[in-house]
Every structure is written in structure tokens, then in C-alpha cells.
Amino acid sequence: MYKIKIYDHISSAHQLREYEGKCENLHGHNWKIEVEFSGEKLDNTGMLLDFKVAKKYLGEVINQLDHKFLNELSPFDKINPTAENIAKFIYDLISKKIKSKDYKVSSVTVWETERNCAVYED
């Protein structure tokens, strides 16, 4: 199995509903979003997926979240914008964009701080 990883950063605000503690209040993060792609074979250039293409997938998705109040965006207007839910949201959207059967998203990691992250994987 071949794997590549890319990452980018976004800044956004959220507040957690039904949470008892500071995070129930409006606050922001500089999130690090890491996406791993995997597949069984390489293309004729010896790549699983061009990093440029992988970054395009990620950029199209995270632009929807950058410098936003997440609680106002779907689906986070109904579900809590936790790192776990954000990771699944990004995983699902990037997975829908991929037309190739040669690779897939294998995991999305959302770093809320440099010491805390949540991972969604297949």
C-alpha cells in the first residue's frame, strides 16, 4: 500500500453545544488539517497522486471553513463542530471529489492545538 500525506491550516471559530466548560463559549482555533491518501499502485510517473492534485482537493474543501463561524455552516448548524465531526466532514467531501479508483482518502486528522487532534479513517 502506498500512502501520501498533505496538510494545510485554517482559522475558524466554534462553540460546543451541550458542553459544560470553556468550550461552550465562542472561541477560535488555528486548525491543522492533515489528509492521507492511499492506493495499491502508482501511475506511469511513479506517483500515487500528484501532491498538487491532493492539495487542490483539500483546498476546495477547507476554503468553505476558513475564517468562518462553523456553527453557522451546514452540517455544523445541527451537529457540534468538534474536531471529530470536522474530520469526518472533510473526509466525506474529499472522497466525493475523487474520480479515480487508484487511490482514496484513508484518513483525515484535525489538529485543534499542537497537542490535540482527532482522526477519521476508513
Protein backbone atom coordinates (compact mmCIF):
# COMPACT_ATOMS: atom_id res chain seq x y z
CA MET A 1 0.00 0.00 0.00
CA TYR A 2 1.32 3.44 -0.95
CA LYS A 3 0.44 6.50 1.09
CA ILE A 4 0.97 10.23 0.82
CA LYS A 5 0.04 12.96 3.29
CA ILE A 6 -0.61 16.64 2.85
CA TYR A 7 -1.65 19.32 5.30
CA ASP A 8 -2.84 22.87 5.43
CA HIS A 9 -4.09 25.33 8.05
CA ILE A 10 -7.32 27.20 8.59
CA SER A 11 -8.58 29.59 11.22
CA SER A 12 -12.17 29.39 12.36
CA ALA A 13 -14.38 29.81 15.39
CA HIS A 14 -16.86 27.48 17.02
CA GLN A 15 -18.68 26.77 20.24
CA LEU A 16 -19.77 23.39 21.50
CA ARG A 17 -23.42 22.89 22.34
CA GLU A 18 -24.37 20.85 25.40
CA TYR A 19 -20.79 21.04 26.66
CA GLU A 20 -20.01 22.04 30.22
CA GLY A 21 -16.82 24.03 30.26
CA LYS A 22 -14.95 26.80 28.48
CA CYS A 23 -15.55 25.32 25.04
CA GLU A 24 -19.26 26.08 25.27
CA ASN A 25 -18.24 29.71 24.74
CA LEU A 26 -17.37 31.14 21.36
CA HIS A 27 -13.65 30.62 20.68
CA GLY A 28 -11.32 30.05 17.76
CA HIS A 29 -8.53 27.76 16.63
CA ASN A 30 -5.78 27.71 14.10
CA TRP A 31 -6.56 24.22 12.87
CA LYS A 32 -4.05 21.99 11.10
CA ILE A 33 -5.80 19.68 8.64
CA GLU A 34 -3.87 16.60 7.52
CA VAL A 35 -5.14 14.26 4.79
CA GLU A 36 -3.71 10.87 3.93
CA PHE A 37 -4.35 9.19 0.58
CA SER A 38 -3.62 5.53 -0.14
CA GLY A 39 -3.64 3.11 -3.02
CA GLU A 40 -2.19 -0.14 -4.32
CA LYS A 41 -0.43 1.11 -7.43
CA LEU A 42 1.47 4.06 -8.82
CA ASP A 43 0.77 5.89 -12.06
CA ASN A 44 3.16 5.92 -15.04
CA THR A 45 5.18 8.74 -13.42
CA GLY A 46 5.71 6.70 -10.26
CA MET A 47 3.23 8.65 -8.15
CA LEU A 48 0.19 7.55 -6.20
CA LEU A 49 -1.29 11.02 -6.59
CA ASP A 50 0.39 14.28 -7.51
CA PHE A 51 0.75 16.44 -4.38
CA LYS A 52 -0.59 19.35 -6.44
CA VAL A 53 -3.85 17.47 -7.07
CA ALA A 54 -4.11 16.35 -3.44
CA LYS A 55 -3.65 19.96 -2.27
CA LYS A 56 -6.36 21.08 -4.69
CA TYR A 57 -8.83 18.58 -3.19
CA LEU A 58 -8.05 19.79 0.31
CA GLY A 59 -8.06 23.48 -0.62
CA GLU A 60 -11.51 23.29 -2.20
CA VAL A 61 -12.93 21.81 1.00
CA ILE A 62 -11.19 23.87 3.66
CA ASN A 63 -11.92 27.15 1.87
CA GLN A 64 -15.51 26.55 2.97
CA LEU A 65 -14.35 26.52 6.62
CA ASP A 66 -11.57 29.10 6.75
CA HIS A 67 -12.30 32.30 8.69
CA LYS A 68 -15.87 31.21 9.40
CA PHE A 69 -18.03 30.65 12.46
CA LEU A 70 -18.52 26.90 11.99
CA ASN A 71 -21.77 26.72 13.96
CA GLU A 72 -23.46 28.72 11.19
CA LEU A 73 -22.42 26.30 8.41
CA SER A 74 -24.13 23.08 7.40
CA PRO A 75 -23.86 20.45 8.87
CA PHE A 76 -22.47 22.17 11.97
CA ASP A 77 -25.64 24.16 12.43
CA LYS A 78 -27.14 20.81 13.53
CA ILE A 79 -24.15 18.78 14.82
CA ASN A 80 -21.38 20.02 17.07
CA PRO A 81 -18.33 21.33 15.21
CA THR A 82 -15.96 19.09 17.16
CA ALA A 83 -12.60 18.09 15.73
CA GLU A 84 -14.06 14.61 15.21
CA ASN A 85 -17.04 15.88 13.21
CA ILE A 86 -14.87 18.27 11.21
CA ALA A 87 -12.52 15.40 10.29
CA LYS A 88 -15.42 13.27 9.02
CA PHE A 89 -16.89 16.24 7.11
CA ILE A 90 -13.58 16.83 5.31
CA TYR A 91 -13.10 13.09 4.70
CA ASP A 92 -16.55 12.78 3.13
CA LEU A 93 -16.24 15.86 0.90
CA ILE A 94 -12.80 14.97 -0.44
CA SER A 95 -13.87 11.35 -1.00
CA LYS A 96 -16.78 12.58 -3.16
CA LYS A 97 -14.39 14.63 -5.32
CA ILE A 98 -12.14 11.68 -6.21
CA LYS A 99 -12.99 10.12 -9.56
CA SER A 100 -10.03 7.71 -9.73
CA LYS A 101 -10.28 4.15 -8.43
CA ASP A 102 -6.47 4.05 -7.99
CA TYR A 103 -6.41 5.96 -4.70
CA LYS A 104 -8.71 7.06 -1.90
CA VAL A 105 -8.72 9.14 1.24
CA SER A 106 -7.56 6.86 4.02
CA SER A 107 -7.64 9.33 6.91
CA VAL A 108 -8.19 12.95 7.91
CA THR A 109 -6.58 14.34 11.04
CA VAL A 110 -7.78 17.62 12.50
CA TRP A 111 -5.35 19.25 14.93
CA GLU A 112 -7.17 21.62 17.27
CA THR A 113 -3.90 22.51 19.01
CA GLU A 114 -0.35 21.27 18.52
CA ARG A 115 -1.02 18.60 21.16
CA ASN A 116 -4.64 17.58 20.45
CA CYS A 117 -6.11 16.02 17.34
CA ALA A 118 -8.96 13.84 16.13
CA VAL A 119 -8.72 11.31 13.31
CA TYR A 120 -11.37 9.92 10.98
CA GLU A 121 -10.34 6.95 8.84
CA ASP A 122 -11.90 4.21 6.82
